[in-house]
N, C-alpha and C. Protein backbone atom coordinates (compact mmCIF):
# COMPACT_ATOMS: atom_id res chain seq x y z
N UNK A 1 191.52 61.37 89.35
CA UNK A 1 191.02 62.70 89.63
C UNK A 1 190.00 62.62 90.76
N UNK A 2 190.02 63.61 91.62
CA UNK A 2 189.10 63.62 92.74
C UNK A 2 187.74 64.17 92.30
N UNK A 3 186.78 64.02 93.18
CA UNK A 3 185.42 64.51 92.88
C UNK A 3 185.42 66.03 92.75
N UNK A 4 186.19 66.72 93.60
CA UNK A 4 186.22 68.18 93.51
C UNK A 4 186.85 68.64 92.19
N UNK A 5 187.82 67.91 91.69
CA UNK A 5 188.42 68.27 90.40
C UNK A 5 187.43 68.05 89.26
N UNK A 6 186.66 66.96 89.33
CA UNK A 6 185.63 66.72 88.32
C UNK A 6 184.55 67.80 88.38
N UNK A 7 184.14 68.16 89.58
CA UNK A 7 183.12 69.21 89.75
C UNK A 7 183.65 70.55 89.24
N UNK A 8 184.91 70.84 89.54
CA UNK A 8 185.52 72.08 89.06
C UNK A 8 185.56 72.10 87.53
N UNK A 9 185.94 70.98 86.93
CA UNK A 9 185.97 70.90 85.46
C UNK A 9 184.57 71.08 84.88
N UNK A 10 183.58 70.49 85.52
CA UNK A 10 182.20 70.64 85.05
C UNK A 10 181.74 72.09 85.14
N UNK A 11 182.08 72.77 86.24
CA UNK A 11 181.71 74.18 86.39
C UNK A 11 182.40 75.05 85.34
N UNK A 12 183.66 74.78 85.08
CA UNK A 12 184.40 75.57 84.10
C UNK A 12 183.84 75.34 82.68
N UNK A 13 183.51 74.11 82.36
CA UNK A 13 182.93 73.81 81.04
C UNK A 13 181.55 74.47 80.91
N UNK A 14 180.75 74.41 81.98
CA UNK A 14 179.43 75.05 81.95
C UNK A 14 179.58 76.56 81.79
N UNK A 15 180.54 77.15 82.49
CA UNK A 15 180.80 78.59 82.35
C UNK A 15 181.22 78.96 80.96
N UNK A 16 182.04 78.12 80.34
CA UNK A 16 182.46 78.35 78.96
C UNK A 16 181.26 78.28 78.02
N UNK A 17 180.34 77.37 78.31
CA UNK A 17 179.11 77.28 77.52
C UNK A 17 178.29 78.57 77.61
N UNK A 18 178.21 79.15 78.81
CA UNK A 18 177.49 80.41 78.96
C UNK A 18 178.19 81.53 78.20
N UNK A 19 179.53 81.56 78.24
CA UNK A 19 180.27 82.56 77.46
C UNK A 19 179.96 82.41 75.97
N UNK A 20 179.93 81.17 75.48
CA UNK A 20 179.62 80.92 74.08
C UNK A 20 178.20 81.39 73.74
N UNK A 21 177.24 81.09 74.62
CA UNK A 21 175.86 81.52 74.39
C UNK A 21 175.75 83.04 74.37
N UNK A 22 176.46 83.72 75.25
CA UNK A 22 176.45 85.18 75.25
C UNK A 22 177.03 85.76 73.98
N UNK A 23 178.09 85.14 73.50
CA UNK A 23 178.71 85.59 72.25
C UNK A 23 177.77 85.37 71.07
N UNK A 24 177.08 84.26 71.05
CA UNK A 24 176.10 84.01 69.98
C UNK A 24 174.97 85.03 70.04
N UNK A 25 174.52 85.38 71.24
CA UNK A 25 173.50 86.41 71.37
C UNK A 25 173.99 87.76 70.88
N UNK A 26 175.23 88.07 71.17
CA UNK A 26 175.82 89.33 70.70
C UNK A 26 175.86 89.38 69.19
N UNK A 27 176.17 88.27 68.57
CA UNK A 27 176.29 88.25 67.11
C UNK A 27 174.96 88.13 66.38
N UNK A 28 173.96 87.50 67.01
CA UNK A 28 172.74 87.18 66.28
C UNK A 28 171.54 88.06 66.58
N UNK A 29 171.48 88.68 67.75
CA UNK A 29 170.28 89.45 68.09
C UNK A 29 170.24 90.75 67.30
N UNK A 30 169.03 91.26 67.03
CA UNK A 30 168.88 92.35 66.07
C UNK A 30 169.21 93.75 66.59
N UNK A 31 169.02 94.03 67.87
CA UNK A 31 169.21 95.41 68.32
C UNK A 31 170.15 95.46 69.53
N UNK A 32 170.54 96.67 69.87
CA UNK A 32 171.51 96.90 70.95
C UNK A 32 171.01 96.35 72.27
N UNK A 33 169.75 96.56 72.58
CA UNK A 33 169.22 96.20 73.89
C UNK A 33 169.15 94.68 74.07
N UNK A 34 168.75 93.98 73.03
CA UNK A 34 168.73 92.51 73.09
C UNK A 34 170.15 91.96 73.21
N UNK A 35 171.06 92.55 72.48
CA UNK A 35 172.46 92.11 72.55
C UNK A 35 173.05 92.34 73.93
N UNK A 36 172.76 93.50 74.50
CA UNK A 36 173.27 93.79 75.84
C UNK A 36 172.71 92.80 76.87
N UNK A 37 171.43 92.51 76.75
CA UNK A 37 170.81 91.58 77.69
C UNK A 37 171.45 90.20 77.60
N UNK A 38 171.59 89.72 76.39
CA UNK A 38 172.18 88.39 76.20
C UNK A 38 173.62 88.36 76.69
N UNK A 39 174.38 89.37 76.36
CA UNK A 39 175.80 89.38 76.71
C UNK A 39 176.01 89.50 78.22
N UNK A 40 175.33 90.44 78.86
CA UNK A 40 175.60 90.64 80.29
C UNK A 40 175.09 89.48 81.13
N UNK A 41 173.92 88.98 80.85
CA UNK A 41 173.39 87.88 81.66
C UNK A 41 174.21 86.61 81.50
N UNK A 42 174.49 86.25 80.27
CA UNK A 42 175.24 85.01 80.03
C UNK A 42 176.68 85.12 80.51
N UNK A 43 177.32 86.25 80.26
CA UNK A 43 178.72 86.39 80.65
C UNK A 43 178.88 86.46 82.17
N UNK A 44 177.95 87.13 82.85
CA UNK A 44 178.05 87.18 84.31
C UNK A 44 177.85 85.79 84.92
N UNK A 45 176.91 85.03 84.39
CA UNK A 45 176.70 83.67 84.88
C UNK A 45 177.90 82.79 84.53
N UNK A 46 178.41 82.93 83.32
CA UNK A 46 179.58 82.16 82.91
C UNK A 46 180.79 82.47 83.77
N UNK A 47 181.01 83.74 84.06
CA UNK A 47 182.14 84.11 84.90
C UNK A 47 181.97 83.56 86.31
N UNK A 48 180.74 83.57 86.82
CA UNK A 48 180.49 83.00 88.15
C UNK A 48 180.79 81.51 88.20
N UNK A 49 180.39 80.80 87.16
CA UNK A 49 180.66 79.36 87.12
C UNK A 49 182.15 79.06 86.99
N UNK A 50 182.83 79.81 86.13
CA UNK A 50 184.27 79.61 85.97
C UNK A 50 184.99 79.96 87.28
N UNK A 51 184.57 81.05 87.91
CA UNK A 51 185.19 81.45 89.18
C UNK A 51 184.97 80.39 90.25
N UNK A 52 183.78 79.81 90.30
CA UNK A 52 183.50 78.75 91.28
C UNK A 52 184.37 77.53 90.99
N UNK A 53 184.54 77.19 89.72
CA UNK A 53 185.39 76.06 89.36
C UNK A 53 186.84 76.29 89.74
N UNK A 54 187.34 77.48 89.47
CA UNK A 54 188.73 77.79 89.81
C UNK A 54 188.91 77.81 91.33
N UNK A 55 187.94 78.37 92.04
CA UNK A 55 188.03 78.39 93.50
C UNK A 55 188.03 76.97 94.06
N UNK A 56 187.26 76.10 93.45
CA UNK A 56 187.25 74.70 93.89
C UNK A 56 188.59 74.02 93.64
N UNK A 57 189.24 74.36 92.56
CA UNK A 57 190.55 73.77 92.26
C UNK A 57 191.62 74.21 93.26
N UNK A 58 191.54 75.46 93.72
CA UNK A 58 192.55 75.96 94.65
C UNK A 58 192.39 75.40 96.06
N UNK A 59 191.19 75.09 96.47
CA UNK A 59 190.88 74.51 97.77
C UNK A 59 191.47 75.34 98.92
N UNK A 60 191.36 76.64 98.80
CA UNK A 60 191.81 77.55 99.85
C UNK A 60 190.74 78.61 100.06
N UNK A 61 190.39 78.85 101.31
CA UNK A 61 189.36 79.87 101.59
C UNK A 61 189.84 81.24 101.15
N UNK A 62 191.11 81.52 101.31
CA UNK A 62 191.65 82.82 100.91
C UNK A 62 191.52 83.03 99.41
N UNK A 63 191.91 82.03 98.64
CA UNK A 63 191.79 82.15 97.18
C UNK A 63 190.33 82.24 96.75
N UNK A 64 189.46 81.46 97.40
CA UNK A 64 188.03 81.51 97.07
C UNK A 64 187.47 82.90 97.35
N UNK A 65 187.88 83.51 98.45
CA UNK A 65 187.41 84.86 98.78
C UNK A 65 187.91 85.88 97.76
N UNK A 66 189.17 85.77 97.36
CA UNK A 66 189.71 86.69 96.37
C UNK A 66 189.03 86.53 95.02
N UNK A 67 188.78 85.30 94.63
CA UNK A 67 188.08 85.05 93.36
C UNK A 67 186.66 85.59 93.42
N UNK A 68 186.01 85.46 94.57
CA UNK A 68 184.66 86.01 94.74
C UNK A 68 184.67 87.52 94.63
N UNK A 69 185.66 88.18 95.23
CA UNK A 69 185.77 89.64 95.13
C UNK A 69 185.98 90.05 93.67
N UNK A 70 186.83 89.33 92.97
CA UNK A 70 187.05 89.63 91.55
C UNK A 70 185.77 89.47 90.75
N UNK A 71 185.01 88.41 91.04
CA UNK A 71 183.74 88.20 90.34
C UNK A 71 182.76 89.32 90.64
N UNK A 72 182.67 89.74 91.90
CA UNK A 72 181.75 90.82 92.26
C UNK A 72 182.15 92.14 91.60
N UNK A 73 183.44 92.42 91.52
CA UNK A 73 183.89 93.63 90.82
C UNK A 73 183.57 93.56 89.33
N UNK A 74 183.72 92.39 88.74
CA UNK A 74 183.37 92.22 87.32
C UNK A 74 181.87 92.39 87.11
N UNK A 75 181.05 91.90 88.06
CA UNK A 75 179.60 92.09 87.97
C UNK A 75 179.24 93.58 88.01
N UNK A 76 179.88 94.30 88.93
CA UNK A 76 179.60 95.74 89.03
C UNK A 76 180.04 96.46 87.77
N UNK A 77 181.22 96.16 87.27
CA UNK A 77 181.72 96.82 86.06
C UNK A 77 180.84 96.49 84.86
N UNK A 78 180.40 95.25 84.76
CA UNK A 78 179.56 94.84 83.64
C UNK A 78 178.21 95.54 83.66
N UNK A 79 177.61 95.62 84.82
CA UNK A 79 176.29 96.27 84.90
C UNK A 79 176.38 97.76 84.63
N UNK A 80 177.45 98.39 85.12
CA UNK A 80 177.63 99.83 84.87
C UNK A 80 177.88 100.07 83.38
N UNK A 81 178.74 99.27 82.76
CA UNK A 81 179.02 99.43 81.34
C UNK A 81 177.77 99.19 80.50
N UNK A 82 176.99 98.17 80.85
CA UNK A 82 175.75 97.87 80.13
C UNK A 82 174.78 99.05 80.24
N UNK A 83 174.66 99.59 81.44
CA UNK A 83 173.76 100.73 81.64
C UNK A 83 174.21 101.93 80.80
N UNK A 84 175.49 102.21 80.76
CA UNK A 84 175.98 103.35 80.00
C UNK A 84 175.78 103.16 78.49
N UNK A 85 176.01 101.95 78.00
CA UNK A 85 175.80 101.68 76.57
C UNK A 85 174.31 101.81 76.22
N UNK A 86 173.44 101.27 77.07
CA UNK A 86 172.00 101.36 76.81
C UNK A 86 171.52 102.81 76.87
N UNK A 87 172.04 103.57 77.83
CA UNK A 87 171.63 104.97 77.94
C UNK A 87 172.08 105.76 76.72
N UNK A 88 173.28 105.48 76.22
CA UNK A 88 173.75 106.15 75.02
C UNK A 88 172.91 105.76 73.80
N UNK A 89 172.54 104.48 73.72
CA UNK A 89 171.70 104.04 72.60
C UNK A 89 170.34 104.73 72.64
N UNK A 90 169.78 104.87 73.83
CA UNK A 90 168.50 105.59 73.95
C UNK A 90 168.66 107.05 73.58
N UNK A 91 169.75 107.67 73.98
CA UNK A 91 169.99 109.09 73.66
C UNK A 91 170.14 109.30 72.15
N UNK A 92 170.69 108.30 71.45
CA UNK A 92 170.84 108.39 70.00
C UNK A 92 169.54 108.05 69.27
N UNK A 93 168.53 107.62 70.00
CA UNK A 93 167.24 107.36 69.40
C UNK A 93 167.04 105.95 68.88
N UNK A 94 167.87 105.02 69.29
CA UNK A 94 167.69 103.64 68.83
C UNK A 94 166.47 103.03 69.50
N UNK A 95 165.75 102.25 68.73
CA UNK A 95 164.53 101.62 69.22
C UNK A 95 164.72 100.10 69.25
N UNK A 96 163.93 99.47 70.06
CA UNK A 96 163.91 98.00 70.06
C UNK A 96 163.29 97.53 68.77
N UNK A 97 163.87 96.52 68.17
CA UNK A 97 163.31 95.96 66.95
C UNK A 97 162.19 95.02 67.31
N UNK A 98 161.02 95.25 66.78
CA UNK A 98 159.85 94.42 67.08
C UNK A 98 159.84 93.17 66.21
N UNK A 99 159.28 92.13 66.74
CA UNK A 99 159.15 90.89 65.97
C UNK A 99 158.07 91.08 64.90
N UNK A 100 158.26 90.48 63.72
CA UNK A 100 157.26 90.64 62.65
C UNK A 100 155.98 89.90 62.93
């Protein structure tokens, strides 16, 4: 295996770790706002790492550019969805859960 393949595998595994951490945050955090923060930050970073790994595997500037565009569109969609969910939670009167 070449160095770029090893680096791509490392990036993909690291991205998968971020996806796992985001999922754990979604399942374990107490309120909507904490869950949204954990999910969007970890998943966006995880997707970026996986996209970088896949782009490295393809070794084509065209594919890397397309993967980057897909990642940027996913970032925009994620932030808009997060904002809408948080705004709805605020409209319903949900509060942040304070630490004891």
